[in-house]
Amino acid sequence: MPALRLDPDPRLHAQAEGERMHALLAELYPLGRSLTGRGLRATLQRLDAEAPLTIDEIASGTAVFDWTVPDEWTIDEAYLEHESGRRIVDYRAHTLHVVGYSRPVDRWLTLDELRPHLHSAPEHPDWIPYRTSYYKDDWGFCLAHRQYEQLPPGRYRALIRAALAPGSMSIGQCLLRGDMSEEVLVFAHTCHPSLANDNLSGLVVAIRLAAWLRQRATRLSYRFVFAPATIGSIAWLALHFSELHRVRHGLVLSLLGDRGPLNYKRTRFGQAAIDRAATQVLQRQHPGGRIIDFSPWGYDERQFGSPGIALPVGRLTRTPNGEFPEYHTSADNPDFVTAASLGESWLACLRIVHRLEHDLRYRNLRPYGEPQLGRRGLYRSTGGYQGIPDQQMAMLWLLNQSDGGTSLIEIAERSGLSFDSLCRAADDLVRAGLLAAETGTS
């Protein structure tokens, strides 16, 4: 397999990957995902066709830290019908029409009796909102507010043909073993129905990143986890607690398909290698976004960053959750995301991975003064770098900072030079016998 190096113009791959990811996203969009159930399993089965997954089923009632895996929710049919025979909403038309985890119901109600079970978004009268009732025994329907305001008086049949019974929660994993056992963890949540940017964009970017990496030799190992938000990441952490010491870097992926700039949310540590790598990639190659400080609110980065876990896991998004009007509504559909945005997000992930792969610590083998580069063919006129002073500076920075404890990412941060120029300079200096990579660094 080819070693993990970016092509001279990886943007060409990003364009093709973007189209492929958008097609996959559109295919997954209609599936009725939730914390458990058929839609979740069907999603994982489709992802398995892109990169092989191991599917774990965690039984309902399993205690995972302070939580318990819930009963499995299965829904076959749901609609709201007026006594005239006119069907107002239908789950088959859009999965957001039913409040997630609604208990089964088949009742006739007056409009006044029905209203407490109806949910709309007055600020966006033509969109269906996304609502759930995961941990409360309840039921409900969601509809456009314009439709809600026009409901005629009379009696309504509310039917939700669903079941809540002991079953299991499905978690998919793809482990790609590298030369080292130290892992990069990539997490994407799987539980949202018919929402394209949140959560399908994260799923398709993650699985296509896995498909790319499994065709290449890597130094680090990569573990991709596809699980429901919150309860899924908590369950995975609880069941894999003895393996967590291998995780050296991590990324939560979501909201990667809209037209906003890329944003990175730091780990709870703030200056982990993943923080530095992502910051350099966004500032140098994907400008316009923000570097956001950690907070215990958001997606599953807060579970990985809880004090008893304390893993260096950051989050990559475009427009953050709650900061775009389409968030958690039917307007978050495949037309809202673009192939170009998905491709650029995938490329940003690949560039971050590239830095982690090559973030070695070197030791200067001639540390007493500056070694003579000219007689080794490394100064000014040879090595293919004529007229490129940055490459000369990269060698000097590496020789000065390579004390065995300073990583390439740290040198790039301090010097202001590009990471790729430092990588090329390190290769030249190693070939010249002036640098040696410290073993076991990640």
Protein backbone atom coordinates (compact mmCIF):
# COMPACT_ATOMS: atom_id res chain seq x y z
CA MET A 1 0.00 0.00 0.00
CA PRO A 2 1.24 3.54 -0.67
CA ALA A 3 2.50 5.48 2.35
CA LEU A 4 0.33 8.31 3.60
CA ARG A 5 1.49 11.37 1.68
CA LEU A 6 -0.73 14.04 0.20
CA ASP A 7 -0.70 14.28 -3.57
CA PRO A 8 0.70 17.49 -5.14
CA ASP A 9 -2.87 18.72 -5.64
CA PRO A 10 -5.19 16.78 -3.30
CA ARG A 11 -8.02 19.13 -4.26
CA LEU A 12 -8.61 16.96 -7.33
CA HIS A 13 -9.47 14.04 -5.06
CA ALA A 14 -11.59 16.30 -2.88
CA GLN A 15 -13.82 17.22 -5.81
CA ALA A 16 -14.53 13.59 -6.67
CA GLU A 17 -14.95 12.63 -3.01
CA GLY A 18 -17.39 15.51 -2.52
CA GLU A 19 -19.67 14.22 -5.27
CA ARG A 20 -19.48 10.70 -3.91
CA MET A 21 -20.26 11.84 -0.37
CA HIS A 22 -23.22 13.95 -1.47
CA ALA A 23 -24.71 10.98 -3.32
CA LEU A 24 -24.26 8.78 -0.25
CA LEU A 25 -25.82 11.44 1.97
CA ALA A 26 -28.88 11.67 -0.29
CA GLU A 27 -29.22 7.89 -0.16
CA LEU A 28 -29.12 7.83 3.65
CA TYR A 29 -31.38 10.85 4.15
CA PRO A 30 -34.80 9.10 4.11
CA LEU A 31 -33.87 6.46 6.71
CA GLY A 32 -35.64 6.84 10.06
CA ARG A 33 -32.67 6.89 12.42
CA SER A 34 -32.94 7.13 16.19
CA LEU A 35 -31.00 5.94 19.24
CA THR A 36 -31.90 2.38 18.29
CA GLY A 37 -33.82 0.46 15.68
CA ARG A 38 -33.99 -0.46 12.02
CA GLY A 39 -33.06 2.92 10.56
CA LEU A 40 -29.87 3.03 12.62
CA ARG A 41 -28.91 -0.49 11.56
CA ALA A 42 -29.68 0.20 7.91
CA THR A 43 -27.43 3.28 8.06
CA LEU A 44 -24.54 1.29 9.50
CA GLN A 45 -25.02 -1.45 6.91
CA ARG A 46 -24.76 1.11 4.13
CA LEU A 47 -21.63 2.65 5.66
CA ASP A 48 -20.15 -0.85 5.87
CA ALA A 49 -20.20 -0.99 2.06
CA GLU A 50 -17.82 2.01 1.98
CA ALA A 51 -15.41 0.73 4.64
CA PRO A 52 -15.96 -2.51 6.59
CA LEU A 53 -17.46 -2.01 10.04
CA THR A 54 -17.73 -4.19 13.10
CA ILE A 55 -21.24 -3.79 14.51
CA ASP A 56 -21.70 -4.13 18.27
CA GLU A 57 -25.18 -4.56 19.73
CA ILE A 58 -25.48 -3.30 23.33
CA ALA A 59 -28.50 -4.74 25.10
CA SER A 60 -31.21 -2.54 26.52
CA GLY A 61 -30.80 -2.14 30.25
CA THR A 62 -26.99 -2.24 30.11
CA ALA A 63 -25.52 0.18 32.64
CA VAL A 64 -22.90 2.48 31.08
CA PHE A 65 -21.44 4.80 33.73
CA ASP A 66 -24.38 6.90 34.98
CA TRP A 67 -26.65 5.97 32.05
CA THR A 68 -28.67 2.95 30.96
CA VAL A 69 -29.11 1.82 27.36
CA PRO A 70 -32.80 2.41 26.58
CA ASP A 71 -35.35 0.05 25.12
CA GLU A 72 -35.34 -0.29 21.35
CA TRP A 73 -37.80 1.90 19.45
CA THR A 74 -39.44 0.50 16.34
CA ILE A 75 -41.89 2.55 14.28
CA ASP A 76 -43.92 1.15 11.39
CA GLU A 77 -46.52 3.82 10.69
CA ALA A 78 -47.69 7.17 12.03
CA TYR A 79 -50.14 9.79 10.88
CA LEU A 80 -52.54 12.47 12.04
CA GLU A 81 -55.90 12.41 10.27
CA HIS A 82 -58.90 14.77 10.44
CA GLU A 83 -62.38 13.30 10.85
CA SER A 84 -63.04 14.37 7.24
CA GLY A 85 -60.50 11.78 6.13
CA ARG A 86 -57.82 14.33 5.25
CA ARG A 87 -54.40 13.21 6.45
CA ILE A 88 -52.56 16.14 8.03
CA VAL A 89 -49.11 14.61 8.60
CA ASP A 90 -47.62 11.25 7.69
CA TYR A 91 -44.37 9.68 8.89
CA ARG A 92 -43.90 8.15 5.45
CA ALA A 93 -43.74 11.63 3.94
CA HIS A 94 -41.06 12.86 6.37
CA THR A 95 -39.45 11.17 9.38
CA LEU A 96 -39.41 14.46 11.33
CA HIS A 97 -43.23 14.40 11.53
CA VAL A 98 -43.07 12.13 14.59
CA VAL A 99 -41.42 13.04 17.89
CA GLY A 100 -38.55 10.61 18.30
CA TYR A 101 -39.23 7.72 20.71
CA SER A 102 -42.97 8.47 20.84
CA ARG A 103 -44.85 5.70 22.59
CA PRO A 104 -47.58 3.93 20.60
CA VAL A 105 -50.94 5.67 20.42
CA ASP A 106 -54.23 5.26 18.56
CA ARG A 107 -56.76 7.81 19.81
CA TRP A 108 -59.42 10.22 18.65
CA LEU A 109 -58.96 13.70 20.13
CA THR A 110 -60.45 17.13 19.77
CA LEU A 111 -58.18 19.85 18.43
CA ASP A 112 -57.78 21.30 21.93
CA GLU A 113 -56.83 17.89 23.30
CA LEU A 114 -54.38 17.39 20.44
CA ARG A 115 -52.51 20.70 20.64
CA PRO A 116 -50.22 19.77 23.61
CA HIS A 117 -48.87 16.97 21.40
CA LEU A 118 -48.12 19.17 18.39
CA HIS A 119 -44.81 20.95 17.78
CA SER A 120 -44.02 23.66 15.25
CA ALA A 121 -41.49 26.48 14.74
CA PRO A 122 -43.29 29.86 14.46
CA GLU A 123 -40.03 31.59 13.49
CA HIS A 124 -39.81 29.36 10.38
CA PRO A 125 -43.44 28.69 9.45
CA ASP A 126 -42.76 26.41 6.48
CA TRP A 127 -40.26 24.06 8.15
CA ILE A 128 -40.87 20.94 10.25
CA PRO A 129 -38.92 21.03 13.55
CA TYR A 130 -36.99 18.06 14.96
CA ARG A 131 -38.13 16.97 18.43
CA THR A 132 -37.38 13.92 20.57
CA SER A 133 -38.67 12.32 23.75
CA TYR A 134 -35.90 9.83 24.40
CA TYR A 135 -36.14 9.68 28.17
CA LYS A 136 -39.73 10.72 28.79
CA ASP A 137 -42.85 8.63 28.26
CA ASP A 138 -44.69 10.81 25.74
CA TRP A 139 -45.79 11.07 22.12
CA GLY A 140 -46.22 13.81 19.56
CA PHE A 141 -46.21 15.08 16.00
CA CYS A 142 -44.22 17.86 14.34
CA LEU A 143 -45.53 19.99 11.50
CA ALA A 144 -44.97 23.28 9.74
CA HIS A 145 -46.35 26.21 11.75
CA ARG A 146 -48.30 27.49 8.77
CA GLN A 147 -50.03 24.11 8.63
CA TYR A 148 -50.57 24.15 12.39
CA GLU A 149 -52.35 27.51 12.22
CA GLN A 150 -54.72 26.24 9.53
CA LEU A 151 -55.87 23.10 11.36
CA PRO A 152 -59.68 22.91 11.10
CA PRO A 153 -61.82 22.28 14.17
CA GLY A 154 -63.14 18.79 14.73
CA ARG A 155 -61.81 15.44 15.87
CA TYR A 156 -58.49 13.91 14.87
CA ARG A 157 -57.15 10.40 14.83
CA ALA A 158 -53.61 10.29 16.18
CA LEU A 159 -51.97 7.01 15.24
CA ILE A 160 -48.39 6.01 16.02
CA ARG A 161 -47.81 2.34 15.36
CA ALA A 162 -44.59 1.92 17.30
CA ALA A 163 -43.07 -0.35 19.92
CA LEU A 164 -40.73 0.25 22.83
CA ALA A 165 -39.31 -3.06 24.00
CA PRO A 166 -36.04 -4.61 25.15
CA GLY A 167 -33.62 -4.81 22.25
CA SER A 168 -30.22 -3.26 21.63
CA MET A 169 -28.35 -0.15 20.52
CA SER A 170 -26.09 -0.53 17.48
CA ILE A 171 -22.56 0.93 17.33
CA GLY A 172 -20.31 0.63 14.30
CA GLN A 173 -16.52 0.64 14.38
CA CYS A 174 -13.76 0.55 11.80
CA LEU A 175 -10.28 -0.03 13.21
CA LEU A 176 -7.39 0.52 10.81
CA ARG A 177 -4.16 -0.72 12.33
CA GLY A 178 -0.98 1.19 11.62
CA ASP A 179 2.66 0.61 12.55
CA MET A 180 1.92 1.84 16.08
CA SER A 181 -0.84 0.89 18.50
CA GLU A 182 -1.49 4.55 19.37
CA GLU A 183 -4.82 5.61 17.89
CA VAL A 184 -6.56 8.53 16.30
CA LEU A 185 -10.25 8.39 17.24
CA VAL A 186 -12.81 9.76 14.77
CA PHE A 187 -16.42 9.91 16.00
CA ALA A 188 -19.66 10.73 14.16
CA HIS A 189 -23.15 10.47 15.66
CA THR A 190 -25.75 8.33 13.94
CA CYS A 191 -29.06 9.01 15.66
CA HIS A 192 -30.70 11.90 13.79
CA PRO A 193 -33.45 11.20 11.26
CA SER A 194 -33.57 13.03 7.92
CA LEU A 195 -31.12 15.79 8.83
CA ALA A 196 -28.46 16.23 6.18
CA ASN A 197 -25.90 18.57 7.72
CA ASP A 198 -26.53 17.32 11.24
CA ASN A 199 -25.70 14.41 11.24
CA LEU A 200 -25.26 12.85 7.82
CA SER A 201 -22.43 15.15 6.70
CA GLY A 202 -20.26 13.90 9.56
CA LEU A 203 -21.06 10.28 8.76
CA VAL A 204 -20.17 10.51 5.07
CA VAL A 205 -16.98 12.50 5.65
CA ALA A 206 -15.85 10.04 8.33
CA ILE A 207 -16.57 6.89 6.32
CA ARG A 208 -14.90 8.23 3.18
CA LEU A 209 -11.88 9.25 5.26
CA ALA A 210 -11.79 5.66 6.57
CA ALA A 211 -12.07 4.31 3.01
CA TRP A 212 -9.13 6.50 1.93
CA LEU A 213 -6.91 5.57 4.87
CA ARG A 214 -7.51 1.82 4.66
CA GLN A 215 -5.82 1.86 1.24
CA ARG A 216 -2.65 3.40 2.65
CA ALA A 217 0.11 2.49 5.07
CA THR A 218 -0.02 4.61 8.22
CA ARG A 219 2.18 5.12 11.24
CA LEU A 220 -0.73 5.58 13.64
CA SER A 221 -3.81 3.41 14.00
CA TYR A 222 -7.23 4.89 13.26
CA ARG A 223 -10.49 4.01 14.99
CA PHE A 224 -13.74 5.28 13.49
CA VAL A 225 -16.79 5.07 15.76
CA PHE A 226 -20.36 5.57 14.53
CA ALA A 227 -22.79 5.75 17.44
CA PRO A 228 -25.81 7.68 18.72
CA ALA A 229 -25.06 11.03 20.34
CA THR A 230 -24.42 11.12 24.09
CA ILE A 231 -25.66 7.66 25.11
CA GLY A 232 -23.73 6.10 22.23
CA SER A 233 -20.38 7.71 22.99
CA ILE A 234 -20.87 7.09 26.72
CA ALA A 235 -21.65 3.42 26.05
CA TRP A 236 -18.62 3.06 23.78
CA LEU A 237 -16.37 4.68 26.39
CA ALA A 238 -17.69 2.45 29.16
CA LEU A 239 -17.27 -0.76 27.18
CA HIS A 240 -13.82 0.17 25.83
CA PHE A 241 -12.48 1.80 28.97
CA SER A 242 -9.43 -0.49 29.17
CA GLU A 243 -8.41 0.51 25.63
CA LEU A 244 -8.67 4.28 25.99
CA HIS A 245 -4.99 4.70 26.87
CA ARG A 246 -4.20 4.10 23.19
CA VAL A 247 -6.12 7.19 22.03
CA ARG A 248 -3.61 9.98 21.40
CA HIS A 249 -5.72 12.28 19.22
CA GLY A 250 -9.40 12.55 18.34
CA LEU A 251 -11.95 14.40 16.22
CA VAL A 252 -15.73 14.63 16.41
CA LEU A 253 -17.17 15.32 12.95
CA SER A 254 -20.52 16.94 12.20
CA LEU A 255 -22.08 19.89 10.34
CA LEU A 256 -19.57 19.63 7.51
CA GLY A 257 -21.77 20.20 4.48
CA ASP A 258 -23.10 23.76 4.72
CA ARG A 259 -21.55 26.76 2.98
CA GLY A 260 -20.01 28.31 6.09
CA PRO A 261 -16.26 28.30 6.80
CA LEU A 262 -14.64 25.48 8.72
CA ASN A 263 -14.49 25.88 12.51
CA TYR A 264 -12.48 23.90 15.04
CA LYS A 265 -13.37 23.50 18.71
CA ARG A 266 -10.38 22.79 20.94
CA THR A 267 -10.04 19.86 23.31
CA ARG A 268 -10.45 20.44 27.04
CA PHE A 269 -6.63 20.68 27.18
CA GLY A 270 -6.48 23.50 24.65
CA GLN A 271 -2.95 22.83 23.37
CA ALA A 272 -3.02 19.13 22.48
CA ALA A 273 -1.35 18.01 19.25
CA ILE A 274 -4.75 17.73 17.56
CA ASP A 275 -5.50 21.33 18.58
CA ARG A 276 -2.25 22.55 17.05
CA ALA A 277 -2.62 20.46 13.90
CA ALA A 278 -6.21 21.57 13.26
CA THR A 279 -5.38 25.22 13.99
CA GLN A 280 -2.49 25.18 11.50
CA VAL A 281 -4.62 23.54 8.81
CA LEU A 282 -7.50 25.99 9.18
CA GLN A 283 -5.36 29.10 9.44
CA ARG A 284 -3.04 28.23 6.56
CA GLN A 285 -5.22 26.27 4.14
CA HIS A 286 -8.88 26.88 5.07
CA PRO A 287 -8.99 30.48 6.34
CA GLY A 288 -12.10 32.36 7.40
CA GLY A 289 -13.30 30.15 10.22
CA ARG A 290 -12.85 30.25 13.98
CA ILE A 291 -10.82 28.40 16.55
CA ILE A 292 -13.29 27.92 19.40
CA ASP A 293 -12.31 27.29 23.00
CA PHE A 294 -13.61 24.16 24.69
CA SER A 295 -16.88 24.24 26.59
CA PRO A 296 -18.90 21.35 28.05
CA TRP A 297 -21.72 21.95 25.58
CA GLY A 298 -22.04 20.76 22.01
CA TYR A 299 -21.56 17.28 20.62
CA ASP A 300 -19.76 14.22 21.94
CA GLU A 301 -16.45 16.01 22.46
CA ARG A 302 -17.83 16.84 25.91
CA GLN A 303 -18.12 13.10 26.73
CA PHE A 304 -14.57 12.40 25.57
CA GLY A 305 -13.43 15.45 27.54
CA SER A 306 -15.16 14.55 30.81
CA PRO A 307 -12.69 14.51 33.74
CA GLY A 308 -12.63 10.73 34.21
CA ILE A 309 -11.99 10.16 30.51
CA ALA A 310 -9.86 13.20 29.57
CA LEU A 311 -9.11 12.28 25.97
CA PRO A 312 -7.69 14.95 23.61
CA VAL A 313 -10.69 15.03 21.25
CA GLY A 314 -11.58 18.21 19.37
CA ARG A 315 -14.46 18.94 17.02
CA LEU A 316 -14.51 19.97 13.37
CA THR A 317 -17.64 21.62 11.92
CA ARG A 318 -18.62 24.32 9.54
CA THR A 319 -21.32 26.52 11.05
CA PRO A 320 -21.60 25.33 14.67
CA ASN A 321 -24.76 23.77 16.08
CA GLY A 322 -27.59 26.21 16.64
CA GLU A 323 -25.93 29.01 14.64
CA PHE A 324 -27.78 28.50 11.35
CA PRO A 325 -31.57 28.76 10.98
CA GLU A 326 -31.97 25.39 9.25
CA TYR A 327 -30.53 23.56 12.29
CA HIS A 328 -32.83 20.76 13.51
CA THR A 329 -35.52 21.44 10.93
CA SER A 330 -36.68 19.92 7.64
CA ALA A 331 -34.74 22.67 5.84
CA ASP A 332 -31.57 20.76 6.73
CA ASN A 333 -31.99 18.57 3.65
CA PRO A 334 -29.66 17.38 0.87
CA ASP A 335 -30.16 20.65 -1.01
CA PHE A 336 -28.79 22.56 1.99
CA VAL A 337 -25.41 20.82 1.81
CA THR A 338 -23.04 20.94 -1.17
CA ALA A 339 -20.60 18.47 -2.65
CA ALA A 340 -17.95 21.20 -2.66
CA SER A 341 -18.31 21.78 1.09
CA LEU A 342 -18.20 18.05 1.83
CA GLY A 343 -15.10 17.67 -0.32
CA GLU A 344 -13.32 20.57 1.35
CA SER A 345 -14.22 19.21 4.80
CA TRP A 346 -12.85 15.80 3.86
CA LEU A 347 -9.66 17.46 2.61
CA ALA A 348 -9.27 19.38 5.87
CA CYS A 349 -9.54 16.11 7.80
CA LEU A 350 -6.94 14.55 5.54
CA ARG A 351 -4.59 17.48 6.08
CA ILE A 352 -5.00 17.20 9.85
CA VAL A 353 -4.27 13.46 9.64
CA HIS A 354 -1.22 14.21 7.47
CA ARG A 355 0.19 16.40 10.25
CA LEU A 356 -0.49 13.81 12.95
CA GLU A 357 1.15 11.10 10.85
CA HIS A 358 4.33 13.13 10.33
CA ASP A 359 4.47 14.89 13.71
CA LEU A 360 7.71 13.24 14.75
CA ARG A 361 10.27 14.37 17.27
CA TYR A 362 13.80 14.44 15.90
CA ARG A 363 17.22 14.55 17.51
CA ASN A 364 20.07 16.60 16.04
CA LEU A 365 22.98 14.21 15.58
CA ARG A 366 25.47 17.09 15.20
CA PRO A 367 24.28 19.38 18.00
CA TYR A 368 27.55 21.24 18.66
CA GLY A 369 27.13 24.36 16.61
CA GLU A 370 25.51 24.46 13.20
CA PRO A 371 26.60 21.52 11.00
CA GLN A 372 28.15 22.35 7.66
CA LEU A 373 25.30 22.01 5.19
CA GLY A 374 27.21 23.07 2.07
CA ARG A 375 29.50 20.05 1.95
CA ARG A 376 26.45 17.81 2.32
CA GLY A 377 24.72 19.41 -0.67
CA LEU A 378 22.02 21.00 1.48
CA TYR A 379 22.92 24.67 1.34
CA ARG A 380 21.54 27.08 -1.26
CA SER A 381 22.42 25.46 -4.57
CA THR A 382 21.39 21.81 -4.28
CA GLY A 383 18.52 19.68 -3.10
CA GLY A 384 16.05 21.25 -5.53
CA TYR A 385 15.33 24.29 -3.38
CA GLN A 386 17.19 27.07 -5.21
CA GLY A 387 15.50 30.39 -4.63
CA ILE A 388 13.24 29.06 -1.87
CA PRO A 389 14.57 30.59 1.35
CA ASP A 390 11.80 29.00 3.42
CA GLN A 391 13.30 25.59 2.76
CA GLN A 392 16.69 26.78 3.94
CA MET A 393 15.09 28.24 7.05
CA ALA A 394 13.21 25.00 7.62
CA MET A 395 16.52 23.13 7.86
CA LEU A 396 17.97 25.67 10.26
CA TRP A 397 14.87 25.63 12.48
CA LEU A 398 14.87 21.83 12.55
CA LEU A 399 18.53 21.61 13.46
CA ASN A 400 18.06 24.19 16.20
CA GLN A 401 14.88 22.76 17.74
CA SER A 402 15.43 19.01 17.32
CA ASP A 403 16.31 18.14 20.89
CA GLY A 404 14.30 14.91 20.93
CA GLY A 405 11.38 16.51 22.76
CA THR A 406 10.02 19.10 20.32
CA SER A 407 7.60 17.89 17.67
CA LEU A 408 7.33 18.99 14.04
CA ILE A 409 3.96 20.61 14.72
CA GLU A 410 5.49 22.62 17.56
CA ILE A 411 8.39 23.73 15.33
CA ALA A 412 5.94 24.80 12.63
CA GLU A 413 3.98 26.76 15.22
CA ARG A 414 7.04 28.55 16.55
CA SER A 415 8.79 29.18 13.22
CA GLY A 416 5.74 30.18 11.19
CA LEU A 417 6.94 27.89 8.39
CA SER A 418 4.64 25.47 6.62
CA PHE A 419 4.44 21.97 8.00
CA ASP A 420 5.09 20.47 4.58
CA SER A 421 8.34 22.42 4.14
CA LEU A 422 9.51 21.14 7.51
CA CYS A 423 8.62 17.57 6.51
CA ARG A 424 10.67 17.86 3.32
CA ALA A 425 13.57 19.42 5.18
CA ALA A 426 13.44 16.68 7.83
CA ASP A 427 13.63 14.01 5.12
CA ASP A 428 16.70 15.68 3.62
CA LEU A 429 18.43 16.06 6.97
CA VAL A 430 17.74 12.42 7.90
CA ARG A 431 19.20 11.27 4.57
CA ALA A 432 22.26 13.41 5.27
CA GLY A 433 22.74 11.79 8.66
CA LEU A 434 22.08 15.00 10.60
CA LEU A 435 18.72 14.10 12.16
CA ALA A 436 17.22 10.92 13.55
CA ALA A 437 13.55 10.40 14.45
CA GLU A 438 12.91 9.46 18.05
CA THR A 439 11.24 6.06 18.20
CA GLY A 440 7.80 5.64 19.72
CA THR A 441 6.72 9.26 19.21
CA SER A 442 3.14 9.99 18.29
